[in-house]
Amino acid sequence: MIRKIRVIQFGLGEIGTSIVRALLKNSDRFELIGCVDTSPEKAHIDIGELVEPKGIYNLQVVESISSLKRKKADVVIHAAGSFIPEAAEQVAYLMERGYNVMTTAEELFFLRRRDPKLFKKLDSLAKRKRVRLLATGINPGFVMDSLVLMLTTPCVSLSSIRAERMVNLSRRRLALQRKLGVGLTSQEFLERTGSGRFGPIGLTDSAEFIAHYLDVKYDDIRSTLQPIVADHDFDGDDVFVAKNHVVGVRHEVVVDRDDREVINLRLTMRIDASIEYDAVFIEGEPPVNVVFNNGIMGDVASVGMILNQVGDFLASPPGYHDMAQVKIPHFAMDHIS
């Protein structure tokens, strides 16, 4: 009998609780031994109060790893934020205590290019403690980077890459809508863009990731983030946005070489989107064009990206890995229902 993978969940926001639900549902493969969240209002309650279906699981949420009754886990799944330095500090703390860590923190996705010095520090820590670290997810993590890279495999020559996402924000969590400025005025939107903690996170990292592994020697990377402003009142099932206020964002990252675009990533997220899709267009021999009608639902899919990679992640050598250094991800639960 194969031993269950023992998991500690760190961070119990919407993504974290979704991961907990999936872990409990797949209890034949995973054993959830602890839940950690630094929010005082979540501490000391049973995890069953935070997930659906509600119940008593005799698993109390604690505020720190040191407070867990059971501390020996195969992996800690970290879903407690997006940004450096908080995420880096937390994963370093976990690795210092001997834990393998998988994180959804977007700014850690391709740290070797975003912050090479910090990357080396965390990579050295992981190797010294003989543990592993991987940042993954849907965007960044899959649709506009790892999947794109994989789709270049049939090509014997390659000229350019374009990837597009159209996301209906009305179907996404409120926290994401707020992070993207839904409901703000254009001026409020522009004022927040300078904070570095606003808008989509990781699209430039996705472009850097593709360029790195395709060995693209580029001249420049250009990033533009623009608000999409409503030309009429929008009244959806769960959200209202007045005319002349922000209903979404348009983010584009372009990699230039020799005065032409070799990589173009376009992300549009708006609450009034009439369609959703993900698409990759590769100009090469042969050309590769792939369109996912209705798109890939990021919140649910992010959970899948984590849980389906745990086994191969734990079998990888110690160190700070990225999505091009792990085995090809695939559905890895015990059965297809």
C-alpha atoms as a PDB file:
ATOM      1  CA  MET A   1       0.000   0.000   0.000  1.00  0.00           C
ATOM      2  CA  ILE A   2       1.364   3.421  -1.012  1.00  0.00           C
ATOM      3  CA  ARG A   3       1.780   5.786   1.926  1.00  0.00           C
ATOM      4  CA  LYS A   4      -0.335   8.909   1.856  1.00  0.00           C
ATOM      5  CA  ILE A   5       1.421  12.221   1.241  1.00  0.00           C
ATOM      6  CA  ARG A   6       1.341  14.235   4.466  1.00  0.00           C
ATOM      7  CA  VAL A   7       0.472  17.877   3.835  1.00  0.00           C
ATOM      8  CA  ILE A   8       0.432  21.074   5.857  1.00  0.00           C
ATOM      9  CA  GLN A   9      -1.604  23.902   4.346  1.00  0.00           C
ATOM     10  CA  PHE A  10      -0.129  27.368   4.996  1.00  0.00           C
ATOM     11  CA  GLY A  11      -2.584  30.163   4.170  1.00  0.00           C
ATOM     12  CA  LEU A  12      -6.365  29.841   4.256  1.00  0.00           C
ATOM     13  CA  GLY A  13      -7.644  32.472   1.888  1.00  0.00           C
ATOM     14  CA  GLU A  14      -9.880  31.439  -1.000  1.00  0.00           C
ATOM     15  CA  ILE A  15      -7.142  29.518  -2.811  1.00  0.00           C
ATOM     16  CA  GLY A  16      -5.889  27.936   0.416  1.00  0.00           C
ATOM     17  CA  THR A  17      -9.325  26.736   1.460  1.00  0.00           C
ATOM     18  CA  SER A  18      -9.916  25.404  -2.066  1.00  0.00           C
ATOM     19  CA  ILE A  19      -6.721  23.379  -1.711  1.00  0.00           C
ATOM     20  CA  VAL A  20      -7.933  22.087   1.674  1.00  0.00           C
ATOM     21  CA  ARG A  21     -11.242  20.966   0.129  1.00  0.00           C
ATOM     22  CA  ALA A  22      -9.385  19.102  -2.605  1.00  0.00           C
ATOM     23  CA  LEU A  23      -7.027  17.476  -0.092  1.00  0.00           C
ATOM     24  CA  LEU A  24      -9.954  16.279   2.023  1.00  0.00           C
ATOM     25  CA  LYS A  25     -11.766  15.012  -1.062  1.00  0.00           C
ATOM     26  CA  ASN A  26      -8.674  13.036  -2.087  1.00  0.00           C
ATOM     27  CA  SER A  27      -7.992  11.611   1.362  1.00  0.00           C
ATOM     28  CA  ASP A  28      -7.025   8.268  -0.177  1.00  0.00           C
ATOM     29  CA  ARG A  29      -3.880   9.964  -1.518  1.00  0.00           C
ATOM     30  CA  PHE A  30      -3.283  12.891   0.847  1.00  0.00           C
ATOM     31  CA  GLU A  31      -3.307  13.251   4.615  1.00  0.00           C
ATOM     32  CA  LEU A  32      -3.895  16.814   5.769  1.00  0.00           C
ATOM     33  CA  ILE A  33      -2.061  16.999   9.099  1.00  0.00           C
ATOM     34  CA  GLY A  34      -2.125  20.744   9.771  1.00  0.00           C
ATOM     35  CA  CYS A  35      -3.498  24.120   8.744  1.00  0.00           C
ATOM     36  CA  VAL A  36      -1.716  27.413   9.397  1.00  0.00           C
ATOM     37  CA  ASP A  37      -2.976  30.961   8.927  1.00  0.00           C
ATOM     38  CA  THR A  38      -1.534  34.084  10.498  1.00  0.00           C
ATOM     39  CA  SER A  39      -4.943  35.786  10.762  1.00  0.00           C
ATOM     40  CA  PRO A  40      -6.018  35.836  14.430  1.00  0.00           C
ATOM     41  CA  GLU A  41      -9.684  35.449  13.485  1.00  0.00           C
ATOM     42  CA  LYS A  42      -8.996  32.075  11.884  1.00  0.00           C
ATOM     43  CA  ALA A  43      -6.797  30.680  14.622  1.00  0.00           C
ATOM     44  CA  HIS A  44      -8.093  28.029  17.014  1.00  0.00           C
ATOM     45  CA  ILE A  45     -11.139  27.070  14.950  1.00  0.00           C
ATOM     46  CA  ASP A  46     -11.736  23.721  13.273  1.00  0.00           C
ATOM     47  CA  ILE A  47     -10.897  23.708   9.572  1.00  0.00           C
ATOM     48  CA  GLY A  48     -14.437  22.439   9.022  1.00  0.00           C
ATOM     49  CA  GLU A  49     -15.740  25.935   9.732  1.00  0.00           C
ATOM     50  CA  LEU A  50     -13.851  27.344   6.741  1.00  0.00           C
ATOM     51  CA  VAL A  51     -14.580  24.794   4.016  1.00  0.00           C
ATOM     52  CA  GLU A  52     -17.639  23.337   2.341  1.00  0.00           C
ATOM     53  CA  PRO A  53     -19.232  21.033   3.242  1.00  0.00           C
ATOM     54  CA  LYS A  54     -18.868  22.288   6.775  1.00  0.00           C
ATOM     55  CA  GLY A  55     -18.189  19.743   9.470  1.00  0.00           C
ATOM     56  CA  ILE A  56     -15.880  18.794  12.285  1.00  0.00           C
ATOM     57  CA  TYR A  57     -12.529  17.416  11.143  1.00  0.00           C
ATOM     58  CA  ASN A  58     -10.752  17.666  14.507  1.00  0.00           C
ATOM     59  CA  LEU A  59      -8.071  19.744  12.827  1.00  0.00           C
ATOM     60  CA  GLN A  60      -7.568  23.111  14.460  1.00  0.00           C
ATOM     61  CA  VAL A  61      -6.142  26.095  12.568  1.00  0.00           C
ATOM     62  CA  VAL A  62      -3.008  27.506  14.218  1.00  0.00           C
ATOM     63  CA  GLU A  63      -1.089  30.761  13.711  1.00  0.00           C
ATOM     64  CA  SER A  64       2.359  29.250  13.229  1.00  0.00           C
ATOM     65  CA  ILE A  65       4.082  26.031  12.225  1.00  0.00           C
ATOM     66  CA  SER A  66       5.556  25.752  15.727  1.00  0.00           C
ATOM     67  CA  SER A  67       2.025  25.452  17.177  1.00  0.00           C
ATOM     68  CA  LEU A  68       1.137  22.351  15.168  1.00  0.00           C
ATOM     69  CA  LYS A  69       0.606  19.143  17.099  1.00  0.00           C
ATOM     70  CA  ARG A  70       1.941  17.113  14.181  1.00  0.00           C
ATOM     71  CA  LYS A  71       4.940  18.640  12.459  1.00  0.00           C
ATOM     72  CA  LYS A  72       6.338  15.869  10.243  1.00  0.00           C
ATOM     73  CA  ALA A  73       4.969  16.562   6.766  1.00  0.00           C
ATOM     74  CA  ASP A  74       6.133  15.667   3.284  1.00  0.00           C
ATOM     75  CA  VAL A  75       5.230  19.087   1.925  1.00  0.00           C
ATOM     76  CA  VAL A  76       3.897  22.473   2.975  1.00  0.00           C
ATOM     77  CA  ILE A  77       1.589  24.110   0.439  1.00  0.00           C
ATOM     78  CA  HIS A  78       2.086  27.841   0.791  1.00  0.00           C
ATOM     79  CA  ALA A  79      -0.822  29.994  -0.431  1.00  0.00           C
ATOM     80  CA  ALA A  80      -0.353  33.091   1.688  1.00  0.00           C
ATOM     81  CA  GLY A  81       0.348  35.967  -0.681  1.00  0.00           C
ATOM     82  CA  SER A  82       1.902  37.028  -3.929  1.00  0.00           C
ATOM     83  CA  PHE A  83       4.786  39.307  -3.161  1.00  0.00           C
ATOM     84  CA  ILE A  84       8.430  39.474  -2.209  1.00  0.00           C
ATOM     85  CA  PRO A  85       9.636  39.876   0.509  1.00  0.00           C
ATOM     86  CA  GLU A  86       6.790  38.384   2.595  1.00  0.00           C
ATOM     87  CA  ALA A  87       6.449  35.204   0.550  1.00  0.00           C
ATOM     88  CA  ALA A  88      10.207  34.685   0.338  1.00  0.00           C
ATOM     89  CA  GLU A  89      10.564  35.185   4.081  1.00  0.00           C
ATOM     90  CA  GLN A  90       7.829  32.662   4.805  1.00  0.00           C
ATOM     91  CA  VAL A  91       9.122  29.953   2.460  1.00  0.00           C
ATOM     92  CA  ALA A  92      12.655  30.455   3.817  1.00  0.00           C
ATOM     93  CA  TYR A  93      11.306  30.003   7.355  1.00  0.00           C
ATOM     94  CA  LEU A  94       9.606  26.775   6.286  1.00  0.00           C
ATOM     95  CA  MET A  95      12.662  25.395   4.498  1.00  0.00           C
ATOM     96  CA  GLU A  96      14.893  26.227   7.483  1.00  0.00           C
ATOM     97  CA  ARG A  97      12.686  23.865   9.461  1.00  0.00           C
ATOM     98  CA  GLY A  98      13.140  21.080   6.943  1.00  0.00           C
ATOM     99  CA  TYR A  99       9.962  21.389   4.889  1.00  0.00           C
ATOM    100  CA  ASN A 100       9.557  20.947   1.151  1.00  0.00           C
ATOM    101  CA  VAL A 101       7.478  23.888  -0.057  1.00  0.00           C
ATOM    102  CA  MET A 102       5.137  24.398  -3.002  1.00  0.00           C
ATOM    103  CA  THR A 103       3.936  27.980  -3.270  1.00  0.00           C
ATOM    104  CA  THR A 104       1.372  29.911  -5.299  1.00  0.00           C
ATOM    105  CA  ALA A 105       3.253  33.210  -4.788  1.00  0.00           C
ATOM    106  CA  GLU A 106       3.425  34.776  -8.255  1.00  0.00           C
ATOM    107  CA  GLU A 107       6.597  36.777  -7.649  1.00  0.00           C
ATOM    108  CA  LEU A 108       8.476  33.572  -6.810  1.00  0.00           C
ATOM    109  CA  PHE A 109       7.541  31.873 -10.103  1.00  0.00           C
ATOM    110  CA  PHE A 110      10.748  32.766 -11.969  1.00  0.00           C
ATOM    111  CA  LEU A 111      12.873  34.331  -9.276  1.00  0.00           C
ATOM    112  CA  ARG A 112      16.156  33.528 -11.036  1.00  0.00           C
ATOM    113  CA  ARG A 113      15.441  36.478 -13.374  1.00  0.00           C
ATOM    114  CA  ARG A 114      13.321  38.688 -11.113  1.00  0.00           C
ATOM    115  CA  ASP A 115      15.864  38.668  -8.254  1.00  0.00           C
ATOM    116  CA  PRO A 116      18.947  36.504  -9.003  1.00  0.00           C
ATOM    117  CA  LYS A 117      20.572  37.253  -5.638  1.00  0.00           C
ATOM    118  CA  LEU A 118      17.514  36.147  -3.679  1.00  0.00           C
ATOM    119  CA  PHE A 119      17.127  33.129  -5.955  1.00  0.00           C
ATOM    120  CA  LYS A 120      20.665  31.975  -5.163  1.00  0.00           C
ATOM    121  CA  LYS A 121      20.060  32.500  -1.457  1.00  0.00           C
ATOM    122  CA  LEU A 122      16.873  30.387  -1.433  1.00  0.00           C
ATOM    123  CA  ASP A 123      18.353  27.763  -3.757  1.00  0.00           C
ATOM    124  CA  SER A 124      21.401  27.408  -1.493  1.00  0.00           C
ATOM    125  CA  LEU A 125      19.146  27.157   1.558  1.00  0.00           C
ATOM    126  CA  ALA A 126      17.059  24.428  -0.063  1.00  0.00           C
ATOM    127  CA  LYS A 127      20.116  22.421  -1.028  1.00  0.00           C
ATOM    128  CA  ARG A 128      21.711  22.854   2.394  1.00  0.00           C
ATOM    129  CA  LYS A 129      18.548  21.654   4.149  1.00  0.00           C
ATOM    130  CA  ARG A 130      17.978  18.995   1.441  1.00  0.00           C
ATOM    131  CA  VAL A 131      14.484  20.227   0.648  1.00  0.00           C
ATOM    132  CA  ARG A 132      12.684  21.430  -2.453  1.00  0.00           C
ATOM    133  CA  LEU A 133      10.903  24.638  -3.471  1.00  0.00           C
ATOM    134  CA  LEU A 134       8.565  25.171  -6.426  1.00  0.00           C
ATOM    135  CA  ALA A 135       6.348  28.132  -7.329  1.00  0.00           C
ATOM    136  CA  THR A 136       3.473  27.159  -9.583  1.00  0.00           C
ATOM    137  CA  GLY A 137      -0.059  28.033 -10.587  1.00  0.00           C
ATOM    138  CA  ILE A 138      -2.051  28.885 -13.690  1.00  0.00           C
ATOM    139  CA  ASN A 139      -0.934  32.425 -14.473  1.00  0.00           C
ATOM    140  CA  PRO A 140       1.997  32.486 -14.037  1.00  0.00           C
ATOM    141  CA  GLY A 141       2.791  28.806 -13.990  1.00  0.00           C
ATOM    142  CA  PHE A 142       1.001  27.222 -16.909  1.00  0.00           C
ATOM    143  CA  VAL A 143      -1.202  28.902 -19.524  1.00  0.00           C
ATOM    144  CA  MET A 144       1.086  31.711 -20.684  1.00  0.00           C
ATOM    145  CA  ASP A 145       4.480  30.150 -19.987  1.00  0.00           C
ATOM    146  CA  SER A 146       4.885  26.405 -19.295  1.00  0.00           C
ATOM    147  CA  LEU A 147       2.160  25.434 -21.771  1.00  0.00           C
ATOM    148  CA  VAL A 148       3.565  27.841 -24.355  1.00  0.00           C
ATOM    149  CA  LEU A 149       7.026  26.350 -23.954  1.00  0.00           C
ATOM    150  CA  MET A 150       5.648  22.815 -24.310  1.00  0.00           C
ATOM    151  CA  LEU A 151       3.754  23.742 -27.488  1.00  0.00           C
ATOM    152  CA  THR A 152       7.013  24.734 -29.203  1.00  0.00           C
ATOM    153  CA  THR A 153       8.198  21.094 -29.042  1.00  0.00           C
ATOM    154  CA  PRO A 154       6.988  20.073 -32.575  1.00  0.00           C
ATOM    155  CA  CYS A 155       8.680  23.055 -34.237  1.00  0.00           C
ATOM    156  CA  VAL A 156      11.873  22.628 -36.280  1.00  0.00           C
ATOM    157  CA  SER A 157      12.068  26.405 -36.679  1.00  0.00           C
ATOM    158  CA  LEU A 158      10.539  29.189 -34.617  1.00  0.00           C
ATOM    159  CA  SER A 159       9.858  32.821 -35.502  1.00  0.00           C
ATOM    160  CA  SER A 160       7.470  34.291 -32.935  1.00  0.00           C
ATOM    161  CA  ILE A 161       5.033  33.476 -30.138  1.00  0.00           C
ATOM    162  CA  ARG A 162       1.781  35.132 -29.155  1.00  0.00           C
ATOM    163  CA  ALA A 163      -0.366  34.052 -26.203  1.00  0.00           C
ATOM    164  CA  GLU A 164      -3.698  35.591 -25.202  1.00  0.00           C
ATOM    165  CA  ARG A 165      -6.076  35.258 -22.270  1.00  0.00           C
ATOM    166  CA  MET A 166      -9.568  36.682 -22.038  1.00  0.00           C
ATOM    167  CA  VAL A 167     -11.017  36.278 -18.539  1.00  0.00           C
ATOM    168  CA  ASN A 168     -14.493  37.131 -17.282  1.00  0.00           C
ATOM    169  CA  LEU A 169     -13.823  38.674 -13.865  1.00  0.00           C
ATOM    170  CA  SER A 170     -17.454  38.440 -12.794  1.00  0.00           C
ATOM    171  CA  ARG A 171     -16.830  34.699 -12.378  1.00  0.00           C
ATOM    172  CA  ARG A 172     -13.708  35.227 -10.263  1.00  0.00           C
ATOM    173  CA  ARG A 173     -13.285  35.903  -6.561  1.00  0.00           C
ATOM    174  CA  LEU A 174     -13.899  39.360  -5.129  1.00  0.00           C
ATOM    175  CA  ALA A 175     -10.317  39.681  -3.903  1.00  0.00           C
ATOM    176  CA  LEU A 176      -9.046  39.360  -7.477  1.00  0.00           C
ATOM    177  CA  GLN A 177     -11.541  41.938  -8.739  1.00  0.00           C
ATOM    178  CA  ARG A 178     -10.312  44.389  -6.129  1.00  0.00           C
ATOM    179  CA  LYS A 179      -6.649  43.685  -6.892  1.00  0.00           C
ATOM    180  CA  LEU A 180      -7.341  44.577 -10.514  1.00  0.00           C
ATOM    181  CA  GLY A 181      -9.100  47.832  -9.669  1.00  0.00           C
ATOM    182  CA  VAL A 182     -12.685  46.986 -10.551  1.00  0.00           C
ATOM    183  CA  GLY A 183     -14.894  49.920  -9.539  1.00  0.00           C
ATOM    184  CA  LEU A 184     -12.110  52.504  -9.334  1.00  0.00           C
ATOM    185  CA  THR A 185     -11.925  55.702 -11.347  1.00  0.00           C
ATOM    186  CA  SER A 186      -9.221  55.902 -14.012  1.00  0.00           C
ATOM    187  CA  GLN A 187      -7.247  58.311 -11.831  1.00  0.00           C
ATOM    188  CA  GLU A 188      -7.433  56.001  -8.811  1.00  0.00           C
ATOM    189  CA  PHE A 189      -6.286  53.131 -11.034  1.00  0.00           C
ATOM    190  CA  LEU A 190      -3.271  55.070 -12.315  1.00  0.00           C
ATOM    191  CA  GLU A 191      -2.308  56.147  -8.805  1.00  0.00           C
ATOM    192  CA  ARG A 192      -2.232  52.535  -7.634  1.00  0.00           C
ATOM    193  CA  THR A 193      -0.215  51.168 -10.540  1.00  0.00           C
ATOM    194  CA  GLY A 194       2.954  52.673  -9.096  1.00  0.00           C
ATOM    195  CA  SER A 195       2.693  50.639  -5.893  1.00  0.00           C
ATOM    196  CA  GLY A 196       4.043  47.446  -7.447  1.00  0.00           C
ATOM    197  CA  ARG A 197       1.276  45.534  -5.664  1.00  0.00           C
ATOM    198  CA  PHE A 198      -1.584  46.220  -7.998  1.00  0.00           C
ATOM    199  CA  GLY A 199      -2.866  44.626 -11.161  1.00  0.00           C
ATOM    200  CA  PRO A 200      -1.945  41.261 -12.683  1.00  0.00           C
ATOM    201  CA  ILE A 201       1.266  39.797 -11.286  1.00  0.00           C
ATOM    202  CA  GLY A 202       3.774  37.677 -13.131  1.00  0.00           C
ATOM    203  CA  LEU A 203       3.182  38.320 -16.837  1.00  0.00           C
ATOM    204  CA  THR A 204       6.672  39.759 -17.316  1.00  0.00           C
ATOM    205  CA  ASP A 205       8.026  36.728 -15.428  1.00  0.00           C
ATOM    206  CA  SER A 206       6.181  34.489 -17.909  1.00  0.00           C
ATOM    207  CA  ALA A 207       7.838  36.289 -20.817  1.00  0.00           C
ATOM    208  CA  GLU A 208      11.246  36.034 -19.123  1.00  0.00           C
ATOM    209  CA  PHE A 209      10.650  32.324 -18.519  1.00  0.00           C
ATOM    210  CA  ILE A 210       9.868  31.650 -22.187  1.00  0.00           C
ATOM    211  CA  ALA A 211      12.783  33.759 -23.403  1.00  0.00           C
ATOM    212  CA  HIS A 212      15.204  32.050 -21.010  1.00  0.00           C
ATOM    213  CA  TYR A 213      14.346  28.502 -22.003  1.00  0.00           C
ATOM    214  CA  LEU A 214      14.162  29.287 -25.731  1.00  0.00           C
ATOM    215  CA  ASP A 215      17.500  31.104 -25.421  1.00  0.00           C
ATOM    216  CA  VAL A 216      16.071  34.303 -26.886  1.00  0.00           C
ATOM    217  CA  LYS A 217      18.673  37.085 -26.791  1.00  0.00           C
ATOM    218  CA  TYR A 218      16.309  40.033 -26.677  1.00  0.00           C
ATOM    219  CA  ASP A 219      16.884  43.776 -26.882  1.00  0.00           C
ATOM    220  CA  ASP A 220      14.001  44.910 -24.705  1.00  0.00           C
ATOM    221  CA  ILE A 221      10.947  43.806 -22.732  1.00  0.00           C
ATOM    222  CA  ARG A 222       8.040  46.247 -22.727  1.00  0.00           C
ATOM    223  CA  SER A 223       5.121  46.040 -20.296  1.00  0.00           C
ATOM    224  CA  THR A 224       1.933  48.108 -20.462  1.00  0.00           C
ATOM    225  CA  LEU A 225      -1.021  48.015 -18.069  1.00  0.00           C
ATOM    226  CA  GLN A 226      -4.188  49.900 -18.961  1.00  0.00           C
ATOM    227  CA  PRO A 227      -7.576  50.181 -17.284  1.00  0.00           C
ATOM    228  CA  ILE A 228     -10.719  49.223 -19.198  1.00  0.00           C
ATOM    229  CA  VAL A 229     -13.379  51.836 -18.449  1.00  0.00           C
ATOM    230  CA  ALA A 230     -17.123  51.181 -18.641  1.00  0.00           C
ATOM    231  CA  ASP A 231     -19.046  53.196 -21.242  1.00  0.00           C
ATOM    232  CA  HIS A 232     -22.289  52.385 -19.400  1.00  0.00           C
ATOM    233  CA  ASP A 233     -23.388  51.138 -15.974  1.00  0.00           C
ATOM    234  CA  PHE A 234     -22.673  47.445 -15.497  1.00  0.00           C
ATOM    235  CA  ASP A 235     -25.009  45.581 -13.177  1.00  0.00           C
ATOM    236  CA  GLY A 236     -24.040  41.932 -12.832  1.00  0.00           C
ATOM    237  CA  ASP A 237     -25.292  39.240 -10.488  1.00  0.00           C
ATOM    238  CA  ASP A 238     -22.716  40.053  -7.804  1.00  0.00           C
ATOM    239  CA  VAL A 239     -21.088  43.316  -8.867  1.00  0.00           C
ATOM    240  CA  PHE A 240     -22.103  46.802  -9.976  1.00  0.00           C
ATOM    241  CA  VAL A 241     -19.769  49.246 -11.708  1.00  0.00           C
ATOM    242  CA  ALA A 242     -20.884  52.743 -12.662  1.00  0.00           C
ATOM    243  CA  LYS A 243     -20.217  54.290 -16.045  1.00  0.00           C
ATOM    244  CA  ASN A 244     -16.693  55.756 -16.426  1.00  0.00           C
ATOM    245  CA  HIS A 245     -15.313  53.433 -13.759  1.00  0.00           C
ATOM    246  CA  VAL A 246     -12.907  50.510 -14.222  1.00  0.00           C
ATOM    247  CA  VAL A 247     -14.370  47.175 -15.305  1.00  0.00           C
ATOM    248  CA  GLY A 248     -11.061  45.436 -15.903  1.00  0.00           C
ATOM    249  CA  VAL A 249      -7.486  45.602 -17.139  1.00  0.00           C
ATOM    250  CA  ARG A 250      -5.503  45.005 -20.298  1.00  0.00           C
ATOM    251  CA  HIS A 251      -1.914  43.921 -19.706  1.00  0.00           C
ATOM    252  CA  GLU A 252       0.566  43.323 -22.513  1.00  0.00           C
ATOM    253  CA  VAL A 253       4.200  42.251 -22.347  1.00  0.00           C
ATOM    254  CA  VAL A 254       6.316  42.323 -25.504  1.00  0.00           C
ATOM    255  CA  VAL A 255       9.801  40.901 -26.029  1.00  0.00           C
ATOM    256  CA  ASP A 256      11.660  42.665 -28.848  1.00  0.00           C
ATOM    257  CA  ARG A 257      14.660  41.497 -30.823  1.00  0.00           C
ATOM    258  CA  ASP A 258      16.096  43.220 -33.886  1.00  0.00           C
ATOM    259  CA  ASP A 259      13.189  45.683 -34.016  1.00  0.00           C
ATOM    260  CA  ARG A 260      10.474  43.030 -34.098  1.00  0.00           C
ATOM    261  CA  GLU A 261       8.254  41.285 -31.579  1.00  0.00           C
ATOM    262  CA  VAL A 262       9.345  37.726 -30.884  1.00  0.00           C
ATOM    263  CA  ILE A 263       7.118  37.125 -27.836  1.00  0.00           C
ATOM    264  CA  ASN A 264       3.799  38.853 -27.168  1.00  0.00           C
ATOM    265  CA  LEU A 265       1.656  38.040 -24.129  1.00  0.00           C
ATOM    266  CA  ARG A 266      -1.768  39.701 -23.858  1.00  0.00           C
ATOM    267  CA  LEU A 267      -3.935  39.364 -20.782  1.00  0.00           C
ATOM    268  CA  THR A 268      -7.403  40.905 -20.671  1.00  0.00           C
ATOM    269  CA  MET A 269      -9.516  40.535 -17.539  1.00  0.00           C
ATOM    270  CA  ARG A 270     -12.876  42.302 -17.335  1.00  0.00           C
ATOM    271  CA  ILE A 271     -16.178  41.750 -15.561  1.00  0.00           C
ATOM    272  CA  ASP A 272     -18.199  42.331 -18.729  1.00  0.00           C
ATOM    273  CA  ALA A 273     -16.353  39.907 -21.012  1.00  0.00           C
ATOM    274  CA  SER A 274     -18.837  38.200 -23.336  1.00  0.00           C
ATOM    275  CA  ILE A 275     -16.507  35.253 -23.993  1.00  0.00           C
ATOM    276  CA  GLU A 276     -13.550  33.612 -22.313  1.00  0.00           C
ATOM    277  CA  TYR A 277     -10.644  31.902 -24.027  1.00  0.00           C
ATOM    278  CA  ASP A 278      -6.967  31.062 -23.801  1.00  0.00           C
ATOM    279  CA  ALA A 279      -4.959  30.934 -27.001  1.00  0.00           C
ATOM    280  CA  VAL A 280      -1.401  30.298 -28.159  1.00  0.00           C
ATOM    281  CA  PHE A 281      -0.207  31.140 -31.670  1.00  0.00           C
ATOM    282  CA  ILE A 282       3.286  29.984 -32.632  1.00  0.00           C
ATOM    283  CA  GLU A 283       4.772  31.084 -35.935  1.00  0.00           C
ATOM    284  CA  GLY A 284       7.176  28.400 -36.957  1.00  0.00           C
ATOM    285  CA  GLU A 285       7.601  25.230 -38.968  1.00  0.00           C
ATOM    286  CA  PRO A 286       5.081  23.817 -38.454  1.00  0.00           C
ATOM    287  CA  PRO A 287       2.898  26.614 -37.092  1.00  0.00           C
ATOM    288  CA  VAL A 288       1.075  25.730 -33.874  1.00  0.00           C
ATOM    289  CA  ASN A 289      -2.243  27.382 -33.061  1.00  0.00           C
ATOM    290  CA  VAL A 290      -4.233  26.289 -29.996  1.00  0.00           C
ATOM    291  CA  VAL A 291      -7.425  27.853 -28.616  1.00  0.00           C
ATOM    292  CA  PHE A 292      -9.132  26.825 -25.371  1.00  0.00           C
ATOM    293  CA  ASN A 293     -12.762  27.821 -25.728  1.00  0.00           C
ATOM    294  CA  ASN A 294     -14.220  29.083 -22.434  1.00  0.00           C
ATOM    295  CA  GLY A 295     -10.689  29.404 -21.056  1.00  0.00           C
ATOM    296  CA  ILE A 296      -9.101  27.563 -18.162  1.00  0.00           C
ATOM    297  CA  MET A 297     -10.725  28.498 -14.838  1.00  0.00           C
ATOM    298  CA  GLY A 298      -7.709  29.782 -12.947  1.00  0.00           C
ATOM    299  CA  ASP A 299      -8.816  29.403  -9.333  1.00  0.00           C
ATOM    300  CA  VAL A 300      -9.836  25.748  -9.636  1.00  0.00           C
ATOM    301  CA  ALA A 301      -6.978  24.965 -12.010  1.00  0.00           C
ATOM    302  CA  SER A 302      -4.406  26.435  -9.616  1.00  0.00           C
ATOM    303  CA  VAL A 303      -5.432  23.792  -7.086  1.00  0.00           C
ATOM    304  CA  GLY A 304      -4.963  21.116  -9.726  1.00  0.00           C
ATOM    305  CA  MET A 305      -1.535  22.460 -10.630  1.00  0.00           C
ATOM    306  CA  ILE A 306      -0.445  22.064  -7.016  1.00  0.00           C
ATOM    307  CA  LEU A 307      -1.902  18.666  -6.185  1.00  0.00           C
ATOM    308  CA  ASN A 308      -1.072  16.975  -9.488  1.00  0.00           C
ATOM    309  CA  GLN A 309       2.608  17.863  -9.155  1.00  0.00           C
ATOM    310  CA  VAL A 310       3.222  16.936  -5.518  1.00  0.00           C
ATOM    311  CA  GLY A 311       4.436  13.392  -6.182  1.00  0.00           C
ATOM    312  CA  ASP A 312       6.978  14.260  -8.894  1.00  0.00           C
ATOM    313  CA  PHE A 313       8.020  17.374  -6.968  1.00  0.00           C
ATOM    314  CA  LEU A 314       8.919  15.289  -3.926  1.00  0.00           C
ATOM    315  CA  ALA A 315      10.949  12.943  -6.139  1.00  0.00           C
ATOM    316  CA  SER A 316      13.028  15.808  -7.560  1.00  0.00           C
ATOM    317  CA  PRO A 317      16.499  16.679  -6.209  1.00  0.00           C
ATOM    318  CA  PRO A 318      16.839  19.326  -3.482  1.00  0.00           C
ATOM    319  CA  GLY A 319      16.860  22.945  -4.645  1.00  0.00           C
ATOM    320  CA  TYR A 320      14.733  25.781  -5.988  1.00  0.00           C
ATOM    321  CA  HIS A 321      12.949  24.438  -9.079  1.00  0.00           C
ATOM    322  CA  ASP A 322      10.846  26.084 -11.752  1.00  0.00           C
ATOM    323  CA  MET A 323       8.222  24.638 -14.071  1.00  0.00           C
ATOM    324  CA  ALA A 324      10.731  23.756 -16.789  1.00  0.00           C
ATOM    325  CA  GLN A 325      12.778  21.661 -14.371  1.00  0.00           C
ATOM    326  CA  VAL A 326      10.040  19.339 -13.150  1.00  0.00           C
ATOM    327  CA  LYS A 327       8.436  16.466 -15.016  1.00  0.00           C
ATOM    328  CA  ILE A 328       5.636  17.219 -17.465  1.00  0.00           C
ATOM    329  CA  PRO A 329       2.638  17.872 -15.196  1.00  0.00           C
ATOM    330  CA  HIS A 330      -0.448  15.718 -15.656  1.00  0.00           C
ATOM    331  CA  PHE A 331      -3.511  14.501 -13.808  1.00  0.00           C
ATOM    332  CA  ALA A 332      -2.158  12.400 -10.957  1.00  0.00           C
ATOM    333  CA  MET A 333      -5.055  11.498  -8.706  1.00  0.00           C
ATOM    334  CA  ASP A 334      -5.788   7.833  -8.060  1.00  0.00           C
ATOM    335  CA  HIS A 335      -8.611   7.463 -10.569  1.00  0.00           C
ATOM    336  CA  ILE A 336     -10.625   9.176 -13.295  1.00  0.00           C
ATOM    337  CA  SER A 337     -14.214   9.509 -12.139  1.00  0.00           C
END
